[in-house]
Amino acid sequence: MFSSPGNALNELRNALESLMDHLQVARKIRDTRKPLSSETQPLRKLSLHERIERLPKEHAGYKSLLLAQKWIGNAGTHGDPIKRDDVLDGYKLLEHVLDGIFSLHPMATNINENKAPQSISREREATLSLFRESETYTK
């Protein structure tokens, strides 16, 4: 990552494109700037900026963070002088966005509390539940 900060930021930009795909934000739209019927209007590729602007409403609060990452990523893509801190800033922003969109904290909390993967925790809970049920029948 730090041997080539520009490439790292270019990959950050690629990650944003992949995130837009995952969130089902269109890559192309009909080019309404051309005065043709809707069936014959050619498709045009949306820029990353346009895709971010088209985020679904439930994720609209992340637009400014995603745009900031896009600007950082652009600097890496276009060969601007990049510092280590620029890379860290970009990835901190990405981490915050991914954490918010995918809400992984509850899963991590569960794993940490049980000191085990969730599948093991569920099995333990099922076993304890059966044990509790059997105790109520023996009383």
N, C-alpha and C. Protein backbone atom coordinates (compact mmCIF):
# COMPACT_ATOMS: atom_id res chain seq x y z
N MET A 1 0.83 -1.19 0.00
CA MET A 1 0.00 0.00 0.00
C MET A 1 0.87 1.25 0.00
N PHE A 2 1.90 1.29 0.85
CA PHE A 2 2.68 2.52 0.95
C PHE A 2 3.82 2.56 -0.06
N SER A 3 4.11 1.43 -0.72
CA SER A 3 5.14 1.47 -1.75
C SER A 3 4.62 2.19 -2.99
N SER A 4 3.31 2.24 -3.14
CA SER A 4 2.71 2.95 -4.27
C SER A 4 1.39 3.58 -3.82
N PRO A 5 1.47 4.71 -3.13
CA PRO A 5 0.25 5.35 -2.62
C PRO A 5 -0.75 5.70 -3.71
N GLY A 6 -0.26 6.11 -4.88
CA GLY A 6 -1.16 6.44 -5.98
C GLY A 6 -1.99 5.24 -6.40
N ASN A 7 -1.34 4.08 -6.51
CA ASN A 7 -2.06 2.85 -6.87
C ASN A 7 -3.05 2.46 -5.79
N ALA A 8 -2.68 2.66 -4.53
CA ALA A 8 -3.58 2.34 -3.42
C ALA A 8 -4.85 3.18 -3.53
N LEU A 9 -4.69 4.45 -3.87
CA LEU A 9 -5.86 5.32 -3.98
C LEU A 9 -6.66 5.01 -5.25
N ASN A 10 -5.99 4.56 -6.28
CA ASN A 10 -6.71 4.12 -7.48
C ASN A 10 -7.58 2.92 -7.13
N GLU A 11 -7.05 2.01 -6.31
CA GLU A 11 -7.83 0.85 -5.88
C GLU A 11 -8.99 1.28 -4.97
N LEU A 12 -8.79 2.32 -4.19
CA LEU A 12 -9.88 2.86 -3.38
C LEU A 12 -11.01 3.31 -4.29
N ARG A 13 -10.66 3.99 -5.36
CA ARG A 13 -11.66 4.46 -6.32
C ARG A 13 -12.39 3.26 -6.95
N ASN A 14 -11.64 2.20 -7.28
CA ASN A 14 -12.25 0.99 -7.82
C ASN A 14 -13.21 0.36 -6.81
N ALA A 15 -12.84 0.42 -5.53
CA ALA A 15 -13.71 -0.12 -4.48
C ALA A 15 -15.02 0.67 -4.42
N LEU A 16 -14.94 1.98 -4.64
CA LEU A 16 -16.17 2.79 -4.64
C LEU A 16 -17.07 2.39 -5.80
N GLU A 17 -16.49 2.12 -6.96
CA GLU A 17 -17.28 1.67 -8.11
C GLU A 17 -17.96 0.34 -7.77
N SER A 18 -17.22 -0.56 -7.12
CA SER A 18 -17.79 -1.86 -6.73
C SER A 18 -18.91 -1.68 -5.70
N LEU A 19 -18.73 -0.75 -4.78
CA LEU A 19 -19.78 -0.47 -3.80
C LEU A 19 -21.03 0.05 -4.50
N MET A 20 -20.86 0.93 -5.48
CA MET A 20 -22.01 1.44 -6.23
C MET A 20 -22.73 0.28 -6.94
N ASP A 21 -21.95 -0.65 -7.50
CA ASP A 21 -22.55 -1.83 -8.13
C ASP A 21 -23.35 -2.63 -7.11
N HIS A 22 -22.77 -2.87 -5.94
CA HIS A 22 -23.44 -3.63 -4.90
C HIS A 22 -24.74 -2.96 -4.47
N LEU A 23 -24.74 -1.65 -4.41
CA LEU A 23 -25.93 -0.90 -4.01
C LEU A 23 -26.89 -0.71 -5.17
N GLN A 24 -26.57 -1.33 -6.30
CA GLN A 24 -27.38 -1.31 -7.51
C GLN A 24 -27.62 0.10 -8.06
N VAL A 25 -26.58 0.92 -8.00
CA VAL A 25 -26.64 2.24 -8.61
C VAL A 25 -26.24 2.04 -10.08
N ALA A 26 -27.07 2.53 -10.98
CA ALA A 26 -26.86 2.32 -12.42
C ALA A 26 -25.48 2.77 -12.88
N ARG A 27 -24.92 2.01 -13.81
CA ARG A 27 -23.66 2.39 -14.45
C ARG A 27 -23.91 3.24 -15.69
N LYS A 28 -25.06 3.00 -16.34
CA LYS A 28 -25.41 3.70 -17.57
C LYS A 28 -26.86 4.13 -17.51
N ILE A 29 -27.16 5.20 -18.22
CA ILE A 29 -28.54 5.66 -18.35
C ILE A 29 -28.78 6.07 -19.79
N ARG A 30 -30.04 6.22 -20.16
CA ARG A 30 -30.37 6.74 -21.49
C ARG A 30 -29.90 8.19 -21.57
N ASP A 31 -29.28 8.54 -22.66
CA ASP A 31 -28.75 9.90 -22.82
C ASP A 31 -29.88 10.81 -23.28
N THR A 32 -30.55 11.43 -22.31
CA THR A 32 -31.70 12.29 -22.62
C THR A 32 -31.28 13.63 -23.21
N ARG A 33 -29.98 13.86 -23.30
CA ARG A 33 -29.50 15.10 -23.92
C ARG A 33 -29.67 15.06 -25.43
N LYS A 34 -29.89 13.87 -25.96
CA LYS A 34 -30.08 13.70 -27.41
C LYS A 34 -31.59 13.71 -27.69
N PRO A 35 -32.04 14.50 -28.66
CA PRO A 35 -33.49 14.63 -28.93
C PRO A 35 -34.03 13.48 -29.79
N LEU A 36 -33.94 12.26 -29.28
CA LEU A 36 -34.48 11.10 -29.98
C LEU A 36 -35.54 10.46 -29.10
N SER A 37 -36.28 9.52 -29.65
CA SER A 37 -37.27 8.83 -28.83
C SER A 37 -36.54 8.00 -27.78
N SER A 38 -37.23 7.68 -26.71
CA SER A 38 -36.58 6.99 -25.59
C SER A 38 -36.03 5.63 -26.00
N GLU A 39 -36.62 4.97 -27.01
CA GLU A 39 -36.13 3.67 -27.45
C GLU A 39 -34.82 3.79 -28.22
N THR A 40 -34.60 4.92 -28.88
CA THR A 40 -33.40 5.05 -29.71
C THR A 40 -32.30 5.88 -29.06
N GLN A 41 -32.57 6.40 -27.87
CA GLN A 41 -31.54 7.17 -27.19
C GLN A 41 -30.41 6.24 -26.76
N PRO A 42 -29.20 6.61 -27.09
CA PRO A 42 -28.08 5.74 -26.70
C PRO A 42 -27.86 5.80 -25.19
N LEU A 43 -27.22 4.74 -24.69
CA LEU A 43 -26.84 4.72 -23.28
C LEU A 43 -25.56 5.51 -23.12
N ARG A 44 -25.45 6.19 -21.98
CA ARG A 44 -24.18 6.86 -21.67
C ARG A 44 -23.73 6.39 -20.30
N LYS A 45 -22.42 6.29 -20.15
CA LYS A 45 -21.82 5.84 -18.90
C LYS A 45 -21.89 6.97 -17.89
N LEU A 46 -22.30 6.63 -16.67
CA LEU A 46 -22.32 7.62 -15.60
C LEU A 46 -20.94 7.69 -14.96
N SER A 47 -20.54 8.88 -14.60
CA SER A 47 -19.28 9.04 -13.87
C SER A 47 -19.49 8.55 -12.44
N LEU A 48 -18.40 8.30 -11.74
CA LEU A 48 -18.51 7.91 -10.34
C LEU A 48 -19.24 8.99 -9.55
N HIS A 49 -18.95 10.23 -9.84
CA HIS A 49 -19.61 11.34 -9.15
C HIS A 49 -21.13 11.26 -9.35
N GLU A 50 -21.56 11.03 -10.60
CA GLU A 50 -23.00 10.93 -10.88
C GLU A 50 -23.62 9.73 -10.17
N ARG A 51 -22.88 8.64 -10.12
CA ARG A 51 -23.39 7.44 -9.45
C ARG A 51 -23.57 7.71 -7.96
N ILE A 52 -22.60 8.39 -7.35
CA ILE A 52 -22.72 8.72 -5.93
C ILE A 52 -23.93 9.61 -5.69
N GLU A 53 -24.15 10.55 -6.59
CA GLU A 53 -25.31 11.44 -6.46
C GLU A 53 -26.63 10.68 -6.57
N ARG A 54 -26.62 9.51 -7.20
CA ARG A 54 -27.82 8.70 -7.39
C ARG A 54 -27.99 7.62 -6.32
N LEU A 55 -27.25 7.71 -5.24
CA LEU A 55 -27.36 6.70 -4.16
C LEU A 55 -28.81 6.55 -3.72
N PRO A 56 -29.21 5.34 -3.37
CA PRO A 56 -30.57 5.17 -2.83
C PRO A 56 -30.78 6.03 -1.57
N LYS A 57 -32.00 6.42 -1.35
CA LYS A 57 -32.33 7.33 -0.24
C LYS A 57 -31.81 6.84 1.11
N GLU A 58 -31.87 5.51 1.34
CA GLU A 58 -31.45 5.01 2.66
C GLU A 58 -29.95 5.17 2.90
N HIS A 59 -29.19 5.45 1.84
CA HIS A 59 -27.74 5.65 1.99
C HIS A 59 -27.31 7.07 1.63
N ALA A 60 -28.25 7.95 1.41
CA ALA A 60 -27.94 9.32 0.97
C ALA A 60 -27.04 10.07 1.95
N GLY A 61 -27.10 9.72 3.22
CA GLY A 61 -26.26 10.38 4.22
C GLY A 61 -24.78 10.14 4.04
N TYR A 62 -24.43 9.19 3.19
CA TYR A 62 -23.01 8.87 2.96
C TYR A 62 -22.43 9.59 1.73
N LYS A 63 -23.25 10.37 1.04
CA LYS A 63 -22.78 11.02 -0.19
C LYS A 63 -21.52 11.84 0.03
N SER A 64 -21.51 12.68 1.05
CA SER A 64 -20.35 13.56 1.25
C SER A 64 -19.09 12.75 1.55
N LEU A 65 -19.22 11.67 2.31
CA LEU A 65 -18.07 10.81 2.60
C LEU A 65 -17.57 10.12 1.34
N LEU A 66 -18.50 9.64 0.52
CA LEU A 66 -18.12 8.96 -0.72
C LEU A 66 -17.50 9.94 -1.71
N LEU A 67 -18.04 11.14 -1.77
CA LEU A 67 -17.45 12.14 -2.67
C LEU A 67 -16.04 12.51 -2.22
N ALA A 68 -15.83 12.61 -0.92
CA ALA A 68 -14.48 12.90 -0.42
C ALA A 68 -13.52 11.80 -0.83
N GLN A 69 -13.97 10.55 -0.73
CA GLN A 69 -13.12 9.42 -1.15
C GLN A 69 -12.84 9.49 -2.64
N LYS A 70 -13.86 9.87 -3.40
CA LYS A 70 -13.69 9.98 -4.85
C LYS A 70 -12.62 10.99 -5.18
N TRP A 71 -12.64 12.15 -4.51
CA TRP A 71 -11.63 13.19 -4.77
C TRP A 71 -10.23 12.70 -4.40
N ILE A 72 -10.13 11.99 -3.28
CA ILE A 72 -8.83 11.43 -2.88
C ILE A 72 -8.39 10.40 -3.91
N GLY A 73 -9.31 9.53 -4.32
CA GLY A 73 -9.01 8.52 -5.33
C GLY A 73 -8.60 9.13 -6.66
N ASN A 74 -9.26 10.22 -7.04
CA ASN A 74 -8.90 10.90 -8.29
C ASN A 74 -7.46 11.38 -8.24
N ALA A 75 -7.05 11.91 -7.11
CA ALA A 75 -5.67 12.40 -6.99
C ALA A 75 -4.68 11.25 -7.22
N GLY A 76 -4.99 10.09 -6.70
CA GLY A 76 -4.12 8.93 -6.91
C GLY A 76 -4.14 8.46 -8.35
N THR A 77 -5.32 8.50 -8.96
CA THR A 77 -5.47 8.04 -10.34
C THR A 77 -4.75 8.95 -11.32
N HIS A 78 -4.76 10.24 -11.05
CA HIS A 78 -4.21 11.21 -12.00
C HIS A 78 -2.76 11.58 -11.72
N GLY A 79 -2.12 10.83 -10.84
CA GLY A 79 -0.69 11.01 -10.63
C GLY A 79 -0.29 12.21 -9.79
N ASP A 80 -1.23 12.77 -9.04
CA ASP A 80 -0.88 13.87 -8.13
C ASP A 80 0.06 13.34 -7.05
N PRO A 81 0.89 14.22 -6.48
CA PRO A 81 1.77 13.75 -5.40
C PRO A 81 0.95 13.32 -4.17
N ILE A 82 1.07 12.06 -3.81
CA ILE A 82 0.26 11.46 -2.75
C ILE A 82 1.15 11.16 -1.56
N LYS A 83 0.63 11.42 -0.39
CA LYS A 83 1.33 11.11 0.86
C LYS A 83 0.66 9.91 1.53
N ARG A 84 1.40 9.30 2.44
CA ARG A 84 0.90 8.16 3.21
C ARG A 84 -0.40 8.52 3.93
N ASP A 85 -0.47 9.71 4.50
CA ASP A 85 -1.67 10.14 5.22
C ASP A 85 -2.88 10.25 4.31
N ASP A 86 -2.67 10.57 3.03
CA ASP A 86 -3.79 10.64 2.09
C ASP A 86 -4.42 9.26 1.92
N VAL A 87 -3.57 8.25 1.83
CA VAL A 87 -4.06 6.87 1.70
C VAL A 87 -4.84 6.49 2.97
N LEU A 88 -4.27 6.77 4.11
CA LEU A 88 -4.94 6.44 5.37
C LEU A 88 -6.28 7.16 5.50
N ASP A 89 -6.31 8.44 5.09
CA ASP A 89 -7.58 9.19 5.13
C ASP A 89 -8.63 8.52 4.26
N GLY A 90 -8.25 8.13 3.05
CA GLY A 90 -9.19 7.49 2.14
C GLY A 90 -9.74 6.20 2.70
N TYR A 91 -8.86 5.39 3.29
CA TYR A 91 -9.31 4.12 3.83
C TYR A 91 -10.09 4.28 5.13
N LYS A 92 -9.81 5.29 5.91
CA LYS A 92 -10.61 5.56 7.11
C LYS A 92 -12.04 5.93 6.71
N LEU A 93 -12.15 6.77 5.68
CA LEU A 93 -13.48 7.14 5.20
C LEU A 93 -14.22 5.92 4.68
N LEU A 94 -13.52 5.09 3.91
CA LEU A 94 -14.15 3.88 3.37
C LEU A 94 -14.62 2.96 4.49
N GLU A 95 -13.77 2.78 5.50
CA GLU A 95 -14.15 1.94 6.63
C GLU A 95 -15.42 2.45 7.30
N HIS A 96 -15.50 3.76 7.48
CA HIS A 96 -16.67 4.36 8.13
C HIS A 96 -17.94 4.12 7.29
N VAL A 97 -17.82 4.31 5.99
CA VAL A 97 -18.98 4.12 5.11
C VAL A 97 -19.42 2.66 5.11
N LEU A 98 -18.47 1.75 4.93
CA LEU A 98 -18.82 0.33 4.90
C LEU A 98 -19.43 -0.12 6.22
N ASP A 99 -18.86 0.36 7.31
CA ASP A 99 -19.38 0.02 8.63
C ASP A 99 -20.82 0.50 8.77
N GLY A 100 -21.10 1.69 8.29
CA GLY A 100 -22.45 2.25 8.39
C GLY A 100 -23.44 1.55 7.48
N ILE A 101 -23.05 1.29 6.25
CA ILE A 101 -23.96 0.68 5.30
C ILE A 101 -24.25 -0.78 5.65
N PHE A 102 -23.23 -1.49 6.04
CA PHE A 102 -23.40 -2.93 6.30
C PHE A 102 -23.61 -3.26 7.77
N SER A 103 -23.50 -2.27 8.65
CA SER A 103 -23.78 -2.44 10.08
C SER A 103 -23.19 -3.72 10.65
N LEU A 104 -21.89 -3.83 10.61
CA LEU A 104 -21.23 -5.04 11.07
C LEU A 104 -20.90 -5.01 12.56
N HIS A 105 -21.04 -3.88 13.21
CA HIS A 105 -20.69 -3.82 14.63
C HIS A 105 -21.47 -4.81 15.48
N PRO A 106 -22.77 -4.97 15.29
CA PRO A 106 -23.48 -5.95 16.13
C PRO A 106 -22.92 -7.36 15.99
N MET A 107 -22.53 -7.73 14.77
CA MET A 107 -21.95 -9.06 14.57
C MET A 107 -20.63 -9.18 15.33
N ALA A 108 -19.79 -8.17 15.21
CA ALA A 108 -18.50 -8.20 15.90
C ALA A 108 -18.71 -8.24 17.41
N THR A 109 -19.67 -7.48 17.90
CA THR A 109 -19.96 -7.48 19.33
C THR A 109 -20.38 -8.87 19.79
N ASN A 110 -21.24 -9.51 19.03
CA ASN A 110 -21.70 -10.86 19.36
C ASN A 110 -20.53 -11.84 19.39
N ILE A 111 -19.68 -11.79 18.38
CA ILE A 111 -18.52 -12.69 18.31
C ILE A 111 -17.60 -12.45 19.50
N ASN A 112 -17.34 -11.19 19.80
CA ASN A 112 -16.44 -10.87 20.92
C ASN A 112 -17.03 -11.30 22.27
N GLU A 113 -18.32 -11.09 22.46
CA GLU A 113 -18.95 -11.48 23.72
C GLU A 113 -18.89 -12.99 23.93
N ASN A 114 -19.10 -13.74 22.86
CA ASN A 114 -19.11 -15.20 22.95
C ASN A 114 -17.75 -15.83 22.71
N LYS A 115 -16.79 -15.01 22.32
CA LYS A 115 -15.43 -15.49 22.04
C LYS A 115 -15.44 -16.68 21.09
N ALA A 116 -16.32 -16.59 20.08
CA ALA A 116 -16.47 -17.68 19.13
C ALA A 116 -17.23 -17.18 17.90
N PRO A 117 -17.09 -17.88 16.77
CA PRO A 117 -17.90 -17.54 15.59
C PRO A 117 -19.38 -17.65 15.91
N GLN A 118 -20.19 -16.96 15.14
CA GLN A 118 -21.63 -16.93 15.42
C GLN A 118 -22.27 -18.32 15.35
N SER A 119 -21.80 -19.17 14.43
CA SER A 119 -22.40 -20.51 14.31
C SER A 119 -22.23 -21.30 15.61
N ILE A 120 -21.07 -21.19 16.23
CA ILE A 120 -20.82 -21.88 17.50
C ILE A 120 -21.69 -21.28 18.59
N SER A 121 -21.81 -19.97 18.61
CA SER A 121 -22.64 -19.29 19.61
C SER A 121 -24.09 -19.74 19.49
N ARG A 122 -24.58 -19.87 18.25
CA ARG A 122 -25.97 -20.32 18.05
C ARG A 122 -26.16 -21.74 18.55
N GLU A 123 -25.16 -22.60 18.27
CA GLU A 123 -25.26 -23.99 18.75
C GLU A 123 -25.26 -24.05 20.27
N ARG A 124 -24.40 -23.24 20.90
CA ARG A 124 -24.37 -23.20 22.37
C ARG A 124 -25.72 -22.75 22.91
N GLU A 125 -26.27 -21.70 22.29
CA GLU A 125 -27.55 -21.17 22.76
C GLU A 125 -28.66 -22.20 22.59
N ALA A 126 -28.65 -22.93 21.49
CA ALA A 126 -29.67 -23.97 21.26
C ALA A 126 -29.54 -25.07 22.30
N THR A 127 -28.32 -25.45 22.62
CA THR A 127 -28.09 -26.49 23.63
C THR A 127 -28.57 -26.02 24.99
N LEU A 128 -28.23 -24.76 25.34
CA LEU A 128 -28.67 -24.22 26.63
C LEU A 128 -30.20 -24.14 26.70
N SER A 129 -30.81 -23.78 25.58
CA SER A 129 -32.26 -23.68 25.54
C SER A 129 -32.90 -25.04 25.78
N LEU A 130 -32.36 -26.09 25.16
CA LEU A 130 -32.87 -27.45 25.38
C LEU A 130 -32.68 -27.86 26.83
N PHE A 131 -31.54 -27.52 27.39
CA PHE A 131 -31.24 -27.85 28.78
C PHE A 131 -32.25 -27.16 29.71
N ARG A 132 -32.53 -25.87 29.46
CA ARG A 132 -33.49 -25.14 30.28
C ARG A 132 -34.88 -25.76 30.18
N GLU A 133 -35.26 -26.14 28.96
CA GLU A 133 -36.58 -26.77 28.77
C GLU A 133 -36.67 -28.08 29.53
N SER A 134 -35.61 -28.88 29.48
CA SER A 134 -35.63 -30.18 30.19
C SER A 134 -35.70 -29.97 31.70
N GLU A 135 -35.10 -28.90 32.20
CA GLU A 135 -35.15 -28.62 33.65
C GLU A 135 -36.57 -28.29 34.08
N THR A 136 -37.32 -27.56 33.23
CA THR A 136 -38.67 -27.21 33.62
C THR A 136 -39.58 -28.42 33.65
N TYR A 137 -39.30 -29.42 32.84
CA TYR A 137 -40.12 -30.63 32.84
C TYR A 137 -39.80 -31.55 34.03
N THR A 138 -38.60 -31.47 34.54
CA THR A 138 -38.22 -32.35 35.66
C THR A 138 -38.63 -31.80 37.00
N LYS A 139 -39.06 -30.57 37.05
CA LYS A 139 -39.45 -29.98 38.35
C LYS A 139 -40.85 -30.33 38.74
